[in-house]
Protein backbone atom coordinates (compact mmCIF):
# COMPACT_ATOMS: atom_id res chain seq x y z
CA MET A 1 -178.19 26.53 -0.34
CA LYS A 2 -175.35 25.79 -2.85
CA LYS A 3 -172.58 23.94 -2.32
CA LEU A 4 -169.59 23.74 -4.35
CA ILE A 5 -166.16 21.98 -3.70
CA SER A 6 -162.77 23.49 -4.36
CA LYS A 7 -159.59 20.89 -4.26
CA ASN A 8 -157.00 23.89 -5.35
CA GLU A 9 -156.51 27.17 -5.87
CA LYS A 10 -157.47 26.93 -9.20
CA ASP A 11 -160.88 26.03 -8.19
CA THR A 12 -161.21 28.39 -5.64
CA TYR A 13 -160.87 31.12 -8.25
CA LYS A 14 -163.17 29.47 -10.63
CA ILE A 15 -165.89 29.85 -7.91
CA ALA A 16 -165.05 33.35 -7.10
CA ALA A 17 -165.00 34.00 -10.78
CA ASP A 18 -168.44 32.66 -11.30
CA ILE A 19 -169.62 34.22 -8.42
CA ALA A 20 -168.45 37.96 -9.73
CA SER A 21 -170.21 37.13 -13.25
CA GLN A 22 -173.38 37.56 -11.06
CA LEU A 23 -172.85 39.97 -9.36
CA ARG A 24 -174.21 43.49 -10.30
CA GLY A 25 -173.22 46.04 -7.77
CA GLY A 26 -174.26 46.28 -4.24
CA GLU A 27 -173.82 42.94 -2.89
CA ILE A 28 -171.86 42.41 0.33
CA ILE A 29 -170.00 38.78 0.45
CA ALA A 30 -170.08 37.91 3.62
CA LEU A 31 -167.21 35.10 4.53
CA GLU A 32 -167.20 32.92 7.08
CA GLY A 33 -164.80 29.99 7.79
CA ASP A 34 -161.97 28.71 10.56
CA LEU A 35 -158.32 30.29 10.31
CA GLY A 36 -156.86 28.93 6.91
CA ALA A 37 -160.12 27.83 5.36
CA GLY A 38 -159.35 30.10 2.21
CA LYS A 39 -161.36 33.69 2.76
CA THR A 40 -158.67 35.62 1.54
CA ASN A 41 -157.85 33.15 -1.54
CA PHE A 42 -161.63 33.42 -2.68
CA THR A 43 -161.46 37.22 -2.30
CA LYS A 44 -158.24 37.21 -4.43
CA GLY A 45 -160.22 34.94 -7.40
CA LEU A 46 -163.00 37.91 -7.24
CA ALA A 47 -160.44 40.21 -7.75
CA LYS A 48 -158.89 38.58 -10.27
CA ALA A 49 -162.52 38.16 -12.31
CA PHE A 50 -162.74 41.97 -11.74
CA ASN A 51 -159.56 42.51 -13.73
CA ILE A 52 -157.86 44.25 -10.03
CA LYS A 53 -153.83 43.62 -10.56
CA LYS A 54 -152.78 45.08 -7.19
CA HIS A 55 -151.70 41.90 -4.70
CA ILE A 56 -154.68 41.28 -2.60
CA THR A 57 -154.13 40.64 0.83
CA SER A 58 -155.84 40.20 4.20
CA PRO A 59 -156.73 43.54 6.03
CA THR A 60 -156.58 42.01 9.21
CA PHE A 61 -154.74 44.87 10.77
CA VAL A 62 -156.29 47.82 8.69
CA LEU A 63 -159.46 46.22 8.71
CA MET A 64 -160.49 47.60 5.14
CA LYS A 65 -159.01 47.94 2.19
CA MET A 66 -160.02 49.68 -1.32
CA TYR A 67 -159.34 48.56 -4.82
CA GLU A 68 -160.31 49.90 -8.22
CA VAL A 69 -162.11 47.93 -10.32
CA LYS A 70 -160.76 47.98 -13.91
CA SER A 71 -163.47 45.82 -15.70
CA GLN A 72 -165.36 47.00 -18.46
CA LYS A 73 -167.98 44.46 -18.12
CA SER A 74 -169.61 45.84 -15.25
CA LYS A 75 -170.35 49.49 -13.52
CA VAL A 76 -168.67 48.14 -10.66
CA ASN A 77 -165.62 50.52 -10.01
CA LYS A 78 -164.45 49.60 -6.38
CA LEU A 79 -164.06 46.06 -4.57
CA ILE A 80 -163.97 46.87 -0.80
CA HIS A 81 -161.91 44.05 1.56
CA VAL A 82 -162.90 44.16 5.20
CA ASP A 83 -161.66 41.80 7.74
CA ALA A 84 -163.78 41.86 10.64
CA TYR A 85 -161.69 39.26 12.75
CA ARG A 86 -159.77 41.85 15.17
CA LEU A 87 -163.19 44.06 15.84
CA ASP A 88 -164.24 44.52 19.06
CA GLU A 89 -167.72 45.80 17.92
CA PRO A 90 -169.28 46.20 14.84
CA GLN A 91 -169.55 50.08 15.33
CA GLU A 92 -165.63 49.97 14.45
CA LEU A 93 -166.26 49.37 10.86
CA PHE A 94 -168.64 52.75 10.77
CA TYR A 95 -165.97 54.91 11.86
CA LEU A 96 -164.04 53.39 8.92
CA GLY A 97 -166.87 55.16 7.09
CA ILE A 98 -167.86 51.62 5.49
CA GLU A 99 -171.86 52.22 5.07
CA GLU A 100 -171.34 54.53 2.18
CA TYR A 101 -170.04 51.45 0.16
CA LEU A 102 -172.69 48.95 1.66
CA ASN A 103 -175.51 48.17 -0.92
CA ASN A 104 -173.44 51.09 -2.98
CA PRO A 105 -174.61 49.88 -6.84
CA GLU A 106 -170.89 50.94 -7.98
CA THR A 107 -169.25 49.07 -5.04
CA ILE A 108 -168.92 45.10 -3.89
CA VAL A 109 -167.97 44.72 -0.04
CA VAL A 110 -166.28 41.03 0.58
CA ILE A 111 -166.05 41.07 4.52
CA GLU A 112 -163.94 38.26 6.11
CA TRP A 113 -165.31 36.78 9.24
CA ALA A 114 -168.61 38.23 8.46
CA ASP A 115 -170.27 36.00 11.46
CA LYS A 116 -168.34 38.41 13.97
CA ILE A 117 -170.71 41.08 12.61
CA LYS A 118 -173.75 39.30 11.94
CA GLU A 119 -175.99 41.18 14.05
CA TYR A 120 -174.86 44.77 11.95
CA LEU A 121 -175.00 43.26 8.83
CA ARG A 122 -178.69 42.45 9.08
CA LYS A 123 -179.96 45.89 8.43
CA PHE A 124 -178.37 45.42 5.06
CA GLU A 125 -179.61 43.94 1.54
CA ASN A 126 -178.31 42.35 -0.89
CA ILE A 127 -175.77 40.14 1.31
CA ILE A 128 -174.43 36.64 0.13
CA TRP A 129 -173.08 34.38 2.75
CA ILE A 130 -170.71 31.91 1.96
CA LYS A 131 -169.49 29.47 4.54
CA ILE A 132 -165.90 27.68 3.84
CA GLU A 133 -165.69 24.27 5.53
CA LEU A 134 -162.17 22.71 5.30
CA ASN A 135 -161.49 18.92 5.61
CA GLU A 136 -158.59 16.93 4.77
CA LYS A 137 -158.98 16.95 0.84
CA ASP A 138 -160.78 19.96 -0.11
CA ARG A 139 -162.68 23.03 0.63
CA LEU A 140 -166.64 23.29 0.78
CA TYR A 141 -168.29 26.78 -0.34
CA LYS A 142 -171.68 26.89 1.34
CA ILE A 143 -173.57 29.73 -0.77
CA MET A 144 -176.81 31.22 0.96
């Protein structure tokens, strides 16, 4: 397990950019953390690293958003941003068509509140679990 500390948004974006530079396509970034821990902010950092210019917001009510990747350095052409917070059951993601993106070599999938659908995700490969713990001074990113 790797542990990284973020004291501010700039640090979070750097952590996300470092992770983005190691992604080759097909990875699932599974984010865990309390409300306000920085899951969406981390995703904004990934999007910035992939040269996505659109404003990134949490897909809490729509469950899934898709962004075109503009980076010439990667074969990845889509960033899929999922929020599992409001899911009653993981099967709801299947109805959205998420399985066509999971482990797709041209796609990176980021899932906020992934711990709610942990059992569903077990059947997929290339999952990077990141637990974000918030304390009074900073955020601790535990990357598994």
